[in-house]
Amino acid sequence: MKGLNPKKRTLKLLGLLTLISIGFIYLVNTIYETEPEPIFIESFILKDLNGDQSDLIEMHQSKFLIINFWATWCAPCRKEMPLLNNYHLTKSEDYPNVIGIAIDELDQVNNFVAELGIDFPILVGQSEAYDLMESLGNSILTLPYTILVNQEGMIVWSKNTEIKTEDLEQILSLL
């Protein structure tokens, strides 16, 4: 930097220090970047379609399980329900069961389930179901939200939008 005027020398030095700082920050972030903590389902009580209390952990039964959070007022939720129901009706014994968790009013859910002929188990809740959904990884609280839980109760797959056939294929590839 010999022969440069003091302003140019200062600018070059600042530029060099900026590049070194960016490199250092990148290196630190790369070294300390860790896997997110695994999320496990826990005992959680919600009402079923008859108004009886059901525990999510008892429904899990140490098997793979698809849990779908939805609401009757959610258009993508309504659209995916026939696909999930068809999966439920045609799946083999060793494929995951489906449980729906409706964030809605019990009477509206019962009407919707009857209208569409949904055959898989449905639990119903309000704010407590939102809290459960958030604790199971949906921090932005969007619907629909679907997760796959493994035999140990750990979430191994999740999606914050409508389930499609390709998603079910991807879920089954994880078994």
Protein backbone atom coordinates (compact mmCIF):
# COMPACT_ATOMS: atom_id res chain seq x y z
CA MET A 1 0.00 0.00 0.00
CA LYS A 2 3.06 2.11 -0.27
CA GLY A 3 2.53 5.17 -2.41
CA LEU A 4 -1.26 5.32 -1.93
CA ASN A 5 -2.77 8.39 -0.46
CA PRO A 6 -4.07 7.99 3.12
CA LYS A 7 -7.79 7.90 2.09
CA LYS A 8 -7.27 5.08 -0.43
CA ARG A 9 -5.11 3.17 2.03
CA THR A 10 -7.84 3.48 4.72
CA LEU A 11 -10.56 2.33 2.27
CA LYS A 12 -8.52 -0.70 1.18
CA LEU A 13 -7.80 -1.59 4.79
CA LEU A 14 -11.51 -1.28 5.70
CA GLY A 15 -12.44 -3.45 2.70
CA LEU A 16 -9.92 -6.10 3.73
CA LEU A 17 -11.17 -6.07 7.34
CA THR A 18 -14.77 -6.38 6.11
CA LEU A 19 -13.90 -9.44 4.01
CA ILE A 20 -12.04 -11.03 6.91
CA SER A 21 -15.00 -10.34 9.23
CA ILE A 22 -17.49 -11.88 6.78
CA GLY A 23 -15.28 -14.93 6.41
CA PHE A 24 -14.97 -15.29 10.17
CA ILE A 25 -18.74 -15.02 10.70
CA TYR A 26 -19.35 -17.62 7.98
CA LEU A 27 -16.80 -19.97 9.54
CA VAL A 28 -18.28 -19.63 13.03
CA ASN A 29 -21.83 -20.21 11.72
CA THR A 30 -20.71 -23.29 9.80
CA ILE A 31 -18.86 -24.77 12.76
CA TYR A 32 -21.68 -24.18 15.27
CA GLU A 33 -24.59 -24.99 12.96
CA THR A 34 -26.37 -27.90 14.58
CA GLU A 35 -29.28 -30.13 13.78
CA PRO A 36 -32.57 -28.92 15.23
CA GLU A 37 -33.63 -30.64 18.43
CA PRO A 38 -35.89 -33.62 17.72
CA ILE A 39 -39.54 -33.16 18.62
CA PHE A 40 -41.50 -35.97 20.27
CA ILE A 41 -45.22 -36.29 20.80
CA GLU A 42 -46.34 -36.46 24.40
CA SER A 43 -49.50 -37.26 26.27
CA PHE A 44 -52.14 -34.77 25.18
CA ILE A 45 -55.89 -35.03 25.77
CA LEU A 46 -58.45 -33.83 23.21
CA LYS A 47 -62.09 -34.77 22.59
CA ASP A 48 -63.08 -37.24 19.90
CA LEU A 49 -66.18 -36.85 17.72
CA ASN A 50 -68.38 -38.25 20.50
CA GLY A 51 -67.07 -35.70 22.98
CA ASP A 52 -65.05 -38.34 24.86
CA GLN A 53 -61.49 -37.62 25.95
CA SER A 54 -58.71 -39.30 23.95
CA ASP A 55 -54.99 -39.23 24.61
CA LEU A 56 -52.79 -38.72 21.57
CA ILE A 57 -49.98 -40.85 23.02
CA GLU A 58 -52.35 -43.81 23.49
CA MET A 59 -53.46 -43.49 19.87
CA HIS A 60 -49.81 -43.59 18.78
CA GLN A 61 -49.27 -47.15 20.09
CA SER A 62 -45.54 -47.08 19.22
CA LYS A 63 -46.26 -47.29 15.48
CA PHE A 64 -45.69 -44.84 12.65
CA LEU A 65 -48.55 -42.33 12.66
CA ILE A 66 -49.68 -39.52 10.36
CA ILE A 67 -51.20 -36.61 12.28
CA ASN A 68 -53.06 -34.00 10.25
CA PHE A 69 -54.12 -30.66 11.78
CA TRP A 70 -57.01 -29.07 9.91
CA ALA A 71 -60.22 -27.00 10.17
CA THR A 72 -63.57 -26.99 8.38
CA TRP A 73 -63.06 -23.35 7.33
CA CYS A 74 -59.65 -24.07 5.74
CA ALA A 75 -59.98 -24.61 1.95
CA PRO A 76 -56.73 -26.60 1.48
CA CYS A 77 -57.70 -28.73 4.50
CA ARG A 78 -61.08 -29.54 2.96
CA LYS A 79 -59.38 -30.40 -0.31
CA GLU A 80 -56.91 -32.89 1.20
CA MET A 81 -59.40 -34.77 3.38
CA PRO A 82 -60.66 -37.14 0.64
CA LEU A 83 -57.04 -38.07 -0.19
CA LEU A 84 -56.25 -38.83 3.46
CA ASN A 85 -59.48 -40.78 3.84
CA ASN A 86 -58.77 -42.82 0.70
CA TYR A 87 -55.27 -43.54 2.02
CA HIS A 88 -56.79 -44.65 5.34
CA LEU A 89 -59.30 -46.97 3.64
CA THR A 90 -56.82 -48.58 1.24
CA LYS A 91 -53.55 -48.69 3.22
CA SER A 92 -51.96 -51.98 4.16
CA GLU A 93 -51.77 -53.01 7.83
CA ASP A 94 -48.11 -52.07 8.19
CA TYR A 95 -48.56 -48.52 6.87
CA PRO A 96 -49.09 -45.60 9.27
CA ASN A 97 -52.54 -44.85 10.62
CA VAL A 98 -54.01 -41.37 10.21
CA ILE A 99 -55.38 -39.16 12.96
CA GLY A 100 -56.99 -35.83 12.20
CA ILE A 101 -56.92 -33.02 14.72
CA ALA A 102 -59.56 -30.43 13.90
CA ILE A 103 -59.09 -26.95 15.25
CA ASP A 104 -62.77 -26.14 15.20
CA GLU A 105 -66.14 -26.52 16.90
CA LEU A 106 -67.28 -30.10 17.58
CA ASP A 107 -70.66 -29.75 15.83
CA GLN A 108 -69.09 -28.25 12.69
CA VAL A 109 -66.51 -31.04 12.58
CA ASN A 110 -69.17 -33.72 13.00
CA ASN A 111 -71.21 -32.21 10.13
CA PHE A 112 -68.15 -32.02 7.89
CA VAL A 113 -67.04 -35.58 8.68
CA ALA A 114 -70.56 -36.89 7.98
CA GLU A 115 -70.80 -34.90 4.73
CA LEU A 116 -67.49 -36.26 3.40
CA GLY A 117 -67.72 -39.71 4.98
CA ILE A 118 -64.37 -39.45 6.77
CA ASP A 119 -63.51 -42.76 8.41
CA PHE A 120 -60.22 -42.13 10.23
CA PRO A 121 -60.15 -40.99 13.87
CA ILE A 122 -60.66 -37.27 14.47
CA LEU A 123 -59.87 -35.32 17.61
CA VAL A 124 -61.22 -31.81 18.15
CA GLY A 125 -59.87 -28.81 20.02
CA GLN A 126 -59.58 -25.05 19.99
CA SER A 127 -56.66 -23.10 21.45
CA GLU A 128 -55.27 -26.23 23.10
CA ALA A 129 -55.06 -27.89 19.65
CA TYR A 130 -53.19 -24.82 18.33
CA ASP A 131 -50.83 -25.12 21.31
CA LEU A 132 -50.28 -28.79 20.51
CA MET A 133 -49.64 -28.01 16.84
CA GLU A 134 -47.10 -25.35 17.81
CA SER A 135 -45.35 -27.70 20.25
CA LEU A 136 -45.10 -30.26 17.42
CA GLY A 137 -43.13 -27.91 15.20
CA ASN A 138 -45.62 -25.58 13.49
CA SER A 139 -44.34 -22.29 14.90
CA ILE A 140 -46.13 -20.23 12.23
CA LEU A 141 -49.48 -21.91 13.06
CA THR A 142 -50.63 -22.46 9.48
CA LEU A 143 -53.21 -25.01 8.40
CA PRO A 144 -53.14 -27.65 7.23
CA TYR A 145 -50.15 -29.07 9.05
CA THR A 146 -49.23 -32.75 8.74
CA ILE A 147 -46.54 -34.73 10.52
CA LEU A 148 -45.23 -38.27 10.45
CA VAL A 149 -44.31 -39.69 13.85
CA ASN A 150 -42.04 -42.73 14.08
CA GLN A 151 -42.30 -45.65 16.53
CA GLU A 152 -40.43 -43.72 19.22
CA GLY A 153 -42.84 -40.78 18.93
CA MET A 154 -40.36 -38.51 17.12
CA ILE A 155 -41.50 -36.32 14.24
CA VAL A 156 -39.58 -37.44 11.15
CA TRP A 157 -41.49 -35.52 8.45
CA SER A 158 -43.73 -32.45 8.34
CA LYS A 159 -45.52 -30.21 5.87
CA ASN A 160 -47.27 -26.86 6.34
CA THR A 161 -49.48 -27.01 3.27
CA GLU A 162 -51.97 -29.30 1.58
CA ILE A 163 -51.01 -32.97 1.34
CA LYS A 164 -50.77 -34.40 -2.18
CA THR A 165 -50.31 -37.95 -3.45
CA GLU A 166 -46.57 -37.33 -3.82
CA ASP A 167 -46.37 -36.43 -0.14
CA LEU A 168 -47.96 -39.73 0.88
CA GLU A 169 -45.49 -41.53 -1.38
CA GLN A 170 -42.64 -39.66 0.30
CA ILE A 171 -43.99 -40.55 3.75
CA LEU A 172 -44.17 -44.22 2.82
CA SER A 173 -40.60 -44.12 1.51
CA LEU A 174 -39.45 -43.15 5.03
CA LEU A 175 -40.78 -46.33 6.64
